[in-house]
């Protein structure tokens, strides 16, 4: 049995797929079984970056540009589709992903430079498309906060998604921008079962706190939706209606869902976690997951990777559509106003000085 590190999601730290040599931990019989393992500390590394806005052309993603203030995510969600990206840096998508984090110290300045470019065309920027912009380290670093401040100064529309009640810290920005049609938010809730949430998303806000975040955002005038993502057949899918109902009562006006995705290393990490955290249902969950992916653990085809295919996936979709209609979550997706974008005079002067230097 693999033991979980306290407050962490992954059960192992397998070498990234690009490394020439693989390292695997094993018990050689000399380890003191009664000794308490040292806690796994989170490390933060500043990253030198030339740009802050990432662009994509994926046809199944509803935005073409995004900002991710952090690489890696301390929330430790075992199912996180961003985990494989840590292998690009020679690190493990396992425990490294949730404990070895990277941030861009000059994020706000990079964004301001981008928005000041003469040929820049304003379109909605999505914040948090890869890792959570409000993970615990944001309390001290305030990188996400600095990005929102720039977007507010430029009247630039943005959407944001999180699992953290920390988003409510920034209602002084989100509220006014939401009321002006410049901001919208999604809060992801995967379960109302606090015990399951603790095991599956160990450092994210509790389900109750996430519902509180929806309520506070809605009260502030922010158009807010709920994301039931991921739907894990046999594990949390039975909560679909209850989660959407609770979110609607809290103030959400729209909803979305994504079926569990297990690309690359995630399939092994998730299987390992499932065998440890839910051994009684591990085999059934994986069987149902494969039934949504044509008999495989995962199918990356753009036409179906978000929702899956087959009877199990179709039933989830049918239930979702019925629930959003029942609870009034079928309002049209809030369109953000791209016509209010302006480069403030103060930013123009600053860029002129920069160019002159």
Foldseek 3Di string as FASTA:
>chain_A
DQDDQPLAAFSAWWWAPPDPDIDGDDDPPPDDPPDDDDHQAADEDEDDDQAFKDADDQPLDPDGIEGEQKFAAQLRQLLAPLLNVVVVVRTGSGPCRNRYMYGHLCNLVRVLVQLPDPPDAADEYEYQPHHAPPGPVCVPSVSVVSNLVSCQLQLGAYEYEHQALCVLVPLVRQLVSQQVQRYAYEHEDQAQDQVVCCNRRVRGDHNVSSLVSLLSSQVSNHAYAYENPEQQPPPRLVCLLVSRLSSLVSHHQAYYYFYRAQPDPSVVRVLVSCCVVPVVCSVVRQVLCCQQAVNDVADPPSVPRGQGDHDSSVVSVVVNVVSCVVSNRPPPDRHGDSPSGDSDPVSVVVVVVVVVD
